[in-house]
C-alpha atoms as a PDB file:
ATOM      1  CA  MET A   1     113.337 138.929  96.230  1.00  0.00           C
ATOM      2  CA  SER A   2     116.879 137.538  96.528  1.00  0.00           C
ATOM      3  CA  THR A   3     119.261 139.161  94.080  1.00  0.00           C
ATOM      4  CA  ASN A   4     121.156 135.857  93.751  1.00  0.00           C
ATOM      5  CA  THR A   5     118.151 134.030  92.370  1.00  0.00           C
ATOM      6  CA  GLU A   6     118.082 133.507  88.608  1.00  0.00           C
ATOM      7  CA  PHE A   7     114.840 133.039  86.707  1.00  0.00           C
ATOM      8  CA  ARG A   8     113.711 132.253  83.205  1.00  0.00           C
ATOM      9  CA  THR A   9     110.245 132.541  81.681  1.00  0.00           C
ATOM     10  CA  CYS A  10     108.612 129.358  80.433  1.00  0.00           C
ATOM     11  CA  PRO A  11     107.623 129.986  76.784  1.00  0.00           C
ATOM     12  CA  THR A  12     104.621 127.635  77.071  1.00  0.00           C
ATOM     13  CA  THR A  13     102.986 128.662  80.348  1.00  0.00           C
ATOM     14  CA  GLY A  14     104.499 132.097  80.935  1.00  0.00           C
ATOM     15  CA  LEU A  15     105.523 131.040  84.448  1.00  0.00           C
ATOM     16  CA  LYS A  16     108.617 132.496  86.064  1.00  0.00           C
ATOM     17  CA  VAL A  17     110.943 129.576  86.719  1.00  0.00           C
ATOM     18  CA  ASP A  18     113.626 129.603  89.415  1.00  0.00           C
ATOM     19  CA  LEU A  19     116.622 127.927  87.758  1.00  0.00           C
ATOM     20  CA  ALA A  20     117.734 126.322  91.036  1.00  0.00           C
ATOM     21  CA  ALA A  21     114.283 124.798  91.504  1.00  0.00           C
ATOM     22  CA  GLU A  22     114.262 123.634  87.887  1.00  0.00           C
ATOM     23  CA  LYS A  23     117.548 121.761  88.384  1.00  0.00           C
ATOM     24  CA  LEU A  24     116.237 120.138  91.548  1.00  0.00           C
ATOM     25  CA  ILE A  25     113.026 119.080  89.816  1.00  0.00           C
ATOM     26  CA  LYS A  26     114.985 117.517  86.951  1.00  0.00           C
ATOM     27  CA  ALA A  27     117.429 115.733  89.280  1.00  0.00           C
ATOM     28  CA  ASN A  28     114.655 114.221  91.409  1.00  0.00           C
ATOM     29  CA  ALA A  29     112.550 113.261  88.390  1.00  0.00           C
ATOM     30  CA  VAL A  30     115.486 111.595  86.608  1.00  0.00           C
ATOM     31  CA  ALA A  31     116.474 109.707  89.773  1.00  0.00           C
ATOM     32  CA  ALA A  32     112.841 108.587  90.120  1.00  0.00           C
ATOM     33  CA  VAL A  33     112.727 107.170  86.595  1.00  0.00           C
ATOM     34  CA  ILE A  34     116.093 105.412  86.998  1.00  0.00           C
ATOM     35  CA  PHE A  35     115.008 103.687  90.215  1.00  0.00           C
ATOM     36  CA  LEU A  36     111.654 102.817  88.625  1.00  0.00           C
ATOM     37  CA  ALA A  37     113.589 101.077  85.841  1.00  0.00           C
ATOM     38  CA  ILE A  38     115.776  99.248  88.384  1.00  0.00           C
ATOM     39  CA  GLY A  39     112.736  98.202  90.380  1.00  0.00           C
ATOM     40  CA  GLY A  40     110.999  97.137  87.193  1.00  0.00           C
ATOM     41  CA  LEU A  41     113.969  94.949  86.267  1.00  0.00           C
ATOM     42  CA  PHE A  42     113.820  93.212  89.636  1.00  0.00           C
ATOM     43  CA  GLY A  43     110.062  92.846  89.178  1.00  0.00           C
ATOM     44  CA  LEU A  44     110.621  91.183  85.799  1.00  0.00           C
ATOM     45  CA  LEU A  45     113.013  88.709  87.432  1.00  0.00           C
ATOM     46  CA  VAL A  46     110.374  87.968  90.078  1.00  0.00           C
ATOM     47  CA  ALA A  47     107.693  87.449  87.416  1.00  0.00           C
ATOM     48  CA  LEU A  48     109.915  85.127  85.377  1.00  0.00           C
ATOM     49  CA  THR A  49     110.629  83.108  88.502  1.00  0.00           C
ATOM     50  CA  ARG A  50     106.950  82.756  89.381  1.00  0.00           C
ATOM     51  CA  TRP A  51     106.263  81.617  85.786  1.00  0.00           C
ATOM     52  CA  PRO A  52     106.440  77.802  86.176  1.00  0.00           C
ATOM     53  CA  GLU A  53     107.784  77.167  82.667  1.00  0.00           C
ATOM     54  CA  VAL A  54     110.716  79.546  83.240  1.00  0.00           C
ATOM     55  CA  HIS A  55     111.390  79.510  87.017  1.00  0.00           C
ATOM     56  CA  LEU A  56     114.406  81.738  86.460  1.00  0.00           C
ATOM     57  CA  LEU A  57     115.847  82.284  89.940  1.00  0.00           C
ATOM     58  CA  PRO A  58     116.628  79.957  92.856  1.00  0.00           C
ATOM     59  CA  ALA A  59     114.891  80.679  96.171  1.00  0.00           C
ATOM     60  CA  ASP A  60     117.639  82.869  97.675  1.00  0.00           C
ATOM     61  CA  TRP A  61     117.913  85.064  94.572  1.00  0.00           C
ATOM     62  CA  PHE A  62     114.124  85.233  94.279  1.00  0.00           C
ATOM     63  CA  TYR A  63     113.727  86.809  97.718  1.00  0.00           C
ATOM     64  CA  LEU A  64     116.705  89.083  97.057  1.00  0.00           C
ATOM     65  CA  ALA A  65     115.045  90.368  93.866  1.00  0.00           C
ATOM     66  CA  LEU A  66     111.675  90.661  95.594  1.00  0.00           C
ATOM     67  CA  THR A  67     113.179  92.752  98.411  1.00  0.00           C
ATOM     68  CA  ALA A  68     114.914  95.109  95.985  1.00  0.00           C
ATOM     69  CA  HIS A  69     111.795  95.335  93.806  1.00  0.00           C
ATOM     70  CA  GLY A  70     109.601  96.316  96.753  1.00  0.00           C
ATOM     71  CA  LEU A  71     112.019  98.987  97.999  1.00  0.00           C
ATOM     72  CA  ASP A  72     112.591 100.618  94.629  1.00  0.00           C
ATOM     73  CA  VAL A  73     109.002 100.511  93.372  1.00  0.00           C
ATOM     74  CA  LEU A  74     107.046 101.134  96.586  1.00  0.00           C
ATOM     75  CA  LEU A  75     109.405 103.624  98.223  1.00  0.00           C
ATOM     76  CA  VAL A  76     112.355 105.038  96.324  1.00  0.00           C
ATOM     77  CA  TRP A  77     111.023 106.020  92.911  1.00  0.00           C
ATOM     78  CA  ILE A  78     107.741 107.326  94.292  1.00  0.00           C
ATOM     79  CA  ILE A  79     109.321 109.630  96.881  1.00  0.00           C
ATOM     80  CA  PHE A  80     111.956 110.933  94.453  1.00  0.00           C
ATOM     81  CA  PHE A  81     109.152 111.861  92.070  1.00  0.00           C
ATOM     82  CA  GLU A  82     107.106 113.409  94.862  1.00  0.00           C
ATOM     83  CA  MET A  83     110.065 115.656  95.765  1.00  0.00           C
ATOM     84  CA  ALA A  84     109.998 116.890  92.177  1.00  0.00           C
ATOM     85  CA  VAL A  85     106.256 117.529  92.524  1.00  0.00           C
ATOM     86  CA  LEU A  86     106.740 119.489  95.773  1.00  0.00           C
ATOM     87  CA  TYR A  87     109.339 121.795  94.245  1.00  0.00           C
ATOM     88  CA  PHE A  88     107.219 122.305  91.126  1.00  0.00           C
ATOM     89  CA  ALA A  89     104.025 122.995  93.069  1.00  0.00           C
ATOM     90  CA  SER A  90     105.758 125.553  95.295  1.00  0.00           C
ATOM     91  CA  ALA A  91     108.544 127.451  93.535  1.00  0.00           C
ATOM     92  CA  ILE A  92     107.261 127.156  89.976  1.00  0.00           C
ATOM     93  CA  LEU A  93     103.499 127.480  90.359  1.00  0.00           C
ATOM     94  CA  LEU A  94     103.860 130.302  92.881  1.00  0.00           C
ATOM     95  CA  ASN A  95     106.404 132.213  90.743  1.00  0.00           C
ATOM     96  CA  SER A  96     108.748 132.125  93.722  1.00  0.00           C
ATOM     97  CA  ARG A  97     112.390 131.424  94.449  1.00  0.00           C
ATOM     98  CA  ILE A  98     112.985 128.141  96.225  1.00  0.00           C
ATOM     99  CA  ALA A  99     113.858 128.367  99.900  1.00  0.00           C
ATOM    100  CA  ALA A 100     117.295 127.026 100.917  1.00  0.00           C
ATOM    101  CA  PRO A 101     118.392 125.363  97.649  1.00  0.00           C
ATOM    102  CA  ARG A 102     121.578 124.084  99.300  1.00  0.00           C
ATOM    103  CA  TRP A 103     119.502 122.242 101.883  1.00  0.00           C
ATOM    104  CA  ALA A 104     117.367 120.859  99.046  1.00  0.00           C
ATOM    105  CA  TRP A 105     120.488 119.488  97.344  1.00  0.00           C
ATOM    106  CA  THR A 106     121.635 118.051 100.671  1.00  0.00           C
ATOM    107  CA  GLY A 107     118.308 116.268 100.967  1.00  0.00           C
ATOM    108  CA  PHE A 108     118.631 114.948  97.419  1.00  0.00           C
ATOM    109  CA  ALA A 109     122.160 113.690  98.118  1.00  0.00           C
ATOM    110  CA  LEU A 110     121.029 111.880 101.284  1.00  0.00           C
ATOM    111  CA  MET A 111     118.138 110.276  99.416  1.00  0.00           C
ATOM    112  CA  LEU A 112     120.438 109.147  96.602  1.00  0.00           C
ATOM    113  CA  VAL A 113     123.121 107.776  98.938  1.00  0.00           C
ATOM    114  CA  GLY A 114     120.505 106.031 101.070  1.00  0.00           C
ATOM    115  CA  ALA A 115     118.757 104.450  98.086  1.00  0.00           C
ATOM    116  CA  LEU A 116     122.027 103.247  96.559  1.00  0.00           C
ATOM    117  CA  MET A 117     123.275 101.943  99.912  1.00  0.00           C
ATOM    118  CA  THR A 118     120.131  99.912 100.510  1.00  0.00           C
ATOM    119  CA  ASN A 119     120.193  98.442  97.009  1.00  0.00           C
ATOM    120  CA  VAL A 120     123.867  97.485  97.305  1.00  0.00           C
ATOM    121  CA  VAL A 121     123.326  95.864 100.707  1.00  0.00           C
ATOM    122  CA  VAL A 122     120.392  93.863  99.356  1.00  0.00           C
ATOM    123  CA  LEU A 123     122.437  92.723  96.348  1.00  0.00           C
ATOM    124  CA  GLN A 124     125.171  91.506  98.677  1.00  0.00           C
ATOM    125  CA  GLY A 125     122.750  88.782  99.737  1.00  0.00           C
ATOM    126  CA  GLY A 126     122.450  89.223 103.470  1.00  0.00           C
ATOM    127  CA  SER A 127     119.339  91.387 103.614  1.00  0.00           C
ATOM    128  CA  SER A 128     116.572  89.514 101.795  1.00  0.00           C
ATOM    129  CA  VAL A 129     113.962  90.539 104.365  1.00  0.00           C
ATOM    130  CA  MET A 130     111.325  91.766 101.907  1.00  0.00           C
ATOM    131  CA  PHE A 131     110.047  95.347 101.745  1.00  0.00           C
ATOM    132  CA  THR A 132     108.382  95.094 105.155  1.00  0.00           C
ATOM    133  CA  SER A 133     111.547  93.694 106.827  1.00  0.00           C
ATOM    134  CA  TYR A 134     109.511  92.167 109.648  1.00  0.00           C
ATOM    135  CA  VAL A 135     111.498  91.176 112.726  1.00  0.00           C
ATOM    136  CA  PRO A 136     112.775  88.665 113.729  1.00  0.00           C
ATOM    137  CA  LEU A 137     114.133  88.689 110.172  1.00  0.00           C
ATOM    138  CA  LYS A 138     117.378  90.644 110.458  1.00  0.00           C
ATOM    139  CA  ALA A 139     119.049  92.562 107.648  1.00  0.00           C
ATOM    140  CA  GLU A 140     122.551  93.984 107.567  1.00  0.00           C
ATOM    141  CA  PRO A 141     122.898  97.356 109.363  1.00  0.00           C
ATOM    142  CA  GLY A 142     123.427  99.133 106.034  1.00  0.00           C
ATOM    143  CA  PHE A 143     119.923  98.139 104.953  1.00  0.00           C
ATOM    144  CA  TYR A 144     118.293 100.094 107.788  1.00  0.00           C
ATOM    145  CA  LEU A 145     120.852 102.908 107.653  1.00  0.00           C
ATOM    146  CA  GLY A 146     120.199 103.412 103.944  1.00  0.00           C
ATOM    147  CA  ILE A 147     116.446 103.716 104.469  1.00  0.00           C
ATOM    148  CA  ILE A 148     116.994 106.132 107.369  1.00  0.00           C
ATOM    149  CA  LEU A 149     119.309 108.333 105.268  1.00  0.00           C
ATOM    150  CA  PHE A 150     116.759 108.291 102.463  1.00  0.00           C
ATOM    151  CA  ALA A 151     113.995 109.274 104.887  1.00  0.00           C
ATOM    152  CA  VAL A 152     116.040 112.127 106.375  1.00  0.00           C
ATOM    153  CA  GLY A 153     116.706 113.471 102.885  1.00  0.00           C
ATOM    154  CA  ALA A 154     112.996 113.329 102.065  1.00  0.00           C
ATOM    155  CA  LEU A 155     112.185 115.115 105.319  1.00  0.00           C
ATOM    156  CA  ILE A 156     114.604 117.910 104.402  1.00  0.00           C
ATOM    157  CA  GLY A 157     112.854 118.208 101.036  1.00  0.00           C
ATOM    158  CA  CYS A 158     109.487 118.558 102.764  1.00  0.00           C
ATOM    159  CA  PHE A 159     110.759 121.376 104.975  1.00  0.00           C
ATOM    160  CA  VAL A 160     112.270 123.140 101.950  1.00  0.00           C
ATOM    161  CA  PHE A 161     108.812 122.924 100.387  1.00  0.00           C
ATOM    162  CA  PHE A 162     107.213 124.437 103.509  1.00  0.00           C
ATOM    163  CA  GLY A 163     109.867 127.152 103.517  1.00  0.00           C
ATOM    164  CA  THR A 164     109.163 127.972  99.884  1.00  0.00           C
ATOM    165  CA  LEU A 165     105.474 128.461 100.681  1.00  0.00           C
ATOM    166  CA  VAL A 166     106.502 130.922 103.407  1.00  0.00           C
ATOM    167  CA  VAL A 167     108.843 132.758 101.017  1.00  0.00           C
ATOM    168  CA  ALA A 168     106.150 133.000  98.340  1.00  0.00           C
ATOM    169  CA  ARG A 169     103.606 134.377 100.812  1.00  0.00           C
ATOM    170  CA  ARG A 170     106.059 136.833 102.342  1.00  0.00           C
ATOM    171  CA  GLU A 171     107.289 138.121  98.981  1.00  0.00           C
ATOM    172  CA  ARG A 172     103.755 138.187  97.558  1.00  0.00           C
ATOM    173  CA  THR A 173     104.537 136.235  94.417  1.00  0.00           C
ATOM    174  CA  TYR A 174     100.878 135.208  94.160  1.00  0.00           C
ATOM    175  CA  LYS A 175      97.500 136.616  95.160  1.00  0.00           C
ATOM    176  CA  GLY A 176      94.701 135.053  97.154  1.00  0.00           C
ATOM    177  CA  SER A 177      94.941 131.474  98.399  1.00  0.00           C
ATOM    178  CA  ILE A 178      97.403 128.928  97.079  1.00  0.00           C
ATOM    179  CA  PRO A 179      96.354 127.048  93.924  1.00  0.00           C
ATOM    180  CA  LEU A 180      94.574 123.727  94.282  1.00  0.00           C
ATOM    181  CA  VAL A 181      97.639 121.962  92.891  1.00  0.00           C
ATOM    182  CA  THR A 182      99.842 123.408  95.624  1.00  0.00           C
ATOM    183  CA  PHE A 183      97.233 122.567  98.255  1.00  0.00           C
ATOM    184  CA  GLY A 184      97.341 118.933  97.137  1.00  0.00           C
ATOM    185  CA  ALA A 185     101.128 118.951  97.386  1.00  0.00           C
ATOM    186  CA  LEU A 186     100.893 120.553 100.830  1.00  0.00           C
ATOM    187  CA  THR A 187      98.590 117.750 101.964  1.00  0.00           C
ATOM    188  CA  ALA A 188     101.066 115.173 100.673  1.00  0.00           C
ATOM    189  CA  ALA A 189     103.966 116.886 102.445  1.00  0.00           C
ATOM    190  CA  ILE A 190     102.138 117.011 105.795  1.00  0.00           C
ATOM    191  CA  ILE A 191     101.323 113.304 105.561  1.00  0.00           C
ATOM    192  CA  ALA A 192     104.923 112.632 104.527  1.00  0.00           C
ATOM    193  CA  VAL A 193     106.269 114.191 107.730  1.00  0.00           C
ATOM    194  CA  PHE A 194     104.072 111.846 109.795  1.00  0.00           C
ATOM    195  CA  THR A 195     105.106 108.901 107.628  1.00  0.00           C
ATOM    196  CA  ILE A 196     108.818 109.605 107.986  1.00  0.00           C
ATOM    197  CA  ALA A 197     108.486 110.140 111.741  1.00  0.00           C
ATOM    198  CA  SER A 198     106.742 106.762 112.080  1.00  0.00           C
ATOM    199  CA  GLY A 199     109.513 105.087 110.102  1.00  0.00           C
ATOM    200  CA  ALA A 200     112.204 106.696 112.248  1.00  0.00           C
ATOM    201  CA  ILE A 201     110.490 105.582 115.467  1.00  0.00           C
ATOM    202  CA  ILE A 202     110.807 101.927 114.493  1.00  0.00           C
ATOM    203  CA  LEU A 203     113.767 101.767 112.081  1.00  0.00           C
ATOM    204  CA  ILE A 204     116.282 103.520 114.339  1.00  0.00           C
ATOM    205  CA  PRO A 205     115.893 100.959 117.182  1.00  0.00           C
ATOM    206  CA  THR A 206     115.857  98.195 114.550  1.00  0.00           C
ATOM    207  CA  LEU A 207     119.199  99.472 113.238  1.00  0.00           C
ATOM    208  CA  LEU A 208     120.562  99.356 116.798  1.00  0.00           C
ATOM    209  CA  TRP A 209     119.165  95.820 117.126  1.00  0.00           C
ATOM    210  CA  SER A 210     120.944  94.742 113.926  1.00  0.00           C
ATOM    211  CA  VAL A 211     124.325  95.906 115.280  1.00  0.00           C
ATOM    212  CA  GLY A 212     123.716  94.290 118.671  1.00  0.00           C
ATOM    213  CA  LEU A 213     123.115  97.394 120.788  1.00  0.00           C
ATOM    214  CA  VAL A 214     119.448  96.494 121.423  1.00  0.00           C
ATOM    215  CA  SER A 215     118.668  92.975 122.590  1.00  0.00           C
ATOM    216  CA  ASN A 216     115.108  92.602 121.307  1.00  0.00           C
ATOM    217  CA  ILE A 217     112.465  94.219 119.083  1.00  0.00           C
ATOM    218  CA  ASP A 218     108.889  93.138 119.748  1.00  0.00           C
ATOM    219  CA  PRO A 219     107.484  91.791 116.420  1.00  0.00           C
ATOM    220  CA  LEU A 220     103.924  93.008 117.066  1.00  0.00           C
ATOM    221  CA  LEU A 221     105.111  96.490 118.032  1.00  0.00           C
ATOM    222  CA  TYR A 222     107.326  96.569 114.951  1.00  0.00           C
ATOM    223  CA  LYS A 223     104.450  95.680 112.629  1.00  0.00           C
ATOM    224  CA  THR A 224     102.107  98.223 114.218  1.00  0.00           C
ATOM    225  CA  ILE A 225     104.513 101.150 113.947  1.00  0.00           C
ATOM    226  CA  TRP A 226     105.894 100.062 110.564  1.00  0.00           C
ATOM    227  CA  TRP A 227     102.421 100.094 109.060  1.00  0.00           C
ATOM    228  CA  ALA A 228     101.847 103.573 110.465  1.00  0.00           C
ATOM    229  CA  MET A 229     104.517 104.393 107.903  1.00  0.00           C
ATOM    230  CA  GLY A 230     103.404 101.906 105.252  1.00  0.00           C
ATOM    231  CA  HIS A 231      99.710 102.830 105.112  1.00  0.00           C
ATOM    232  CA  THR A 232     100.210 106.601 105.316  1.00  0.00           C
ATOM    233  CA  SER A 233     102.819 106.461 102.563  1.00  0.00           C
ATOM    234  CA  GLN A 234     100.017 105.365 100.231  1.00  0.00           C
ATOM    235  CA  GLN A 235      98.026 108.455 101.233  1.00  0.00           C
ATOM    236  CA  ILE A 236     101.019 110.567 100.172  1.00  0.00           C
ATOM    237  CA  ASN A 237     100.723 108.899  96.789  1.00  0.00           C
ATOM    238  CA  VAL A 238      96.994 109.629  96.564  1.00  0.00           C
ATOM    239  CA  SER A 239      97.483 113.334  97.376  1.00  0.00           C
ATOM    240  CA  ALA A 240     100.399 113.657  94.975  1.00  0.00           C
ATOM    241  CA  HIS A 241      98.519 111.904  92.163  1.00  0.00           C
ATOM    242  CA  VAL A 242      95.555 114.229  92.570  1.00  0.00           C
ATOM    243  CA  ALA A 243      97.884 117.244  92.552  1.00  0.00           C
ATOM    244  CA  ILE A 244      99.611 116.010  89.389  1.00  0.00           C
ATOM    245  CA  SER A 245      96.278 115.363  87.652  1.00  0.00           C
ATOM    246  CA  VAL A 246      95.006 118.831  88.520  1.00  0.00           C
ATOM    247  CA  SER A 247      98.315 120.339  87.382  1.00  0.00           C
ATOM    248  CA  TYR A 248      98.037 118.643  83.984  1.00  0.00           C
ATOM    249  CA  THR A 249      94.427 119.753  83.581  1.00  0.00           C
ATOM    250  CA  HIS A 250      95.365 123.261  84.629  1.00  0.00           C
ATOM    251  CA  LEU A 251      98.147 123.577  82.092  1.00  0.00           C
ATOM    252  CA  THR A 252      95.955 122.319  79.240  1.00  0.00           C
ATOM    253  CA  LEU A 253      92.846 124.432  79.945  1.00  0.00           C
ATOM    254  CA  PRO A 254      92.284 127.860  78.393  1.00  0.00           C
ATOM    255  CA  THR A 255      93.359 130.753  80.624  1.00  0.00           C
ATOM    256  CA  THR A 256      89.764 131.824  81.405  1.00  0.00           C
ATOM    257  CA  CYS A 257      88.953 128.339  82.682  1.00  0.00           C
ATOM    258  CA  ARG A 258      92.091 128.226  84.787  1.00  0.00           C
ATOM    259  CA  VAL A 259      91.243 131.413  86.625  1.00  0.00           C
ATOM    260  CA  GLY A 260      87.646 130.511  87.280  1.00  0.00           C
ATOM    261  CA  ARG A 261      88.115 126.884  88.292  1.00  0.00           C
ATOM    262  CA  TRP A 262      91.603 126.451  89.647  1.00  0.00           C
ATOM    263  CA  GLY A 263      92.903 129.835  90.810  1.00  0.00           C
ATOM    264  CA  TRP A 264      96.233 130.026  88.982  1.00  0.00           C
ATOM    265  CA  ALA A 265      99.037 131.609  91.003  1.00  0.00           C
ATOM    266  CA  GLY A 266      99.144 135.360  90.512  1.00  0.00           C
ATOM    267  CA  GLU A 267      95.665 135.623  89.008  1.00  0.00           C
ATOM    268  CA  GLY A 268      93.708 136.206  92.199  1.00  0.00           C
END
């Protein structure tokens, strides 16, 4: 066990909590809620515009708000929260130190910068291409760059999660197989790697297209590869939701039930 790692004991669950992991969980969870609120605000503007008696926004502002709403609600807040879930399901539930906390903070910083960059570019008015950003609709280069930075940060977080599983196994912080909660998070992380790779395959050439370095992006090819990212991202959500539900049930069940049904970390 690293001598530089600081822990505390949770008074409710008795779990050993890595303080670095705890800070990362809080940072990602707070960022998730903030972007959910921002996305919700844009969604409210969209709803008030679609309400015939109000019709709040003109057409250009409507599609601007709809683009920002889709990005923040369907991508940004969900993945920030899932990063918090990954760190909780690995470092905390396995009584382990988190692997490479500096890399985890780097990933968080890239996600935050990317999310803010994309939102700012959308608000500037030249990137109202909706969440799907289908070509030949062309956004400003910062729109694609922001999403790519966000995706790279999320990918770093996934690899920190994988590394933490390796650390926990090597340092024997738990017995037997990993808990069901952690297995659900592992499933989500594996799908996330495929999702991010699919996004990179199509968004990087699209970024080059937006700056004029690539002459053409085939619309059908774009849609096919983009939805390899879009559909699998929903499977990340399913896996993460199941893991969160099991985690809540686990923490509220009596200890004897936890051991028999869920295999709590460290209990065999």
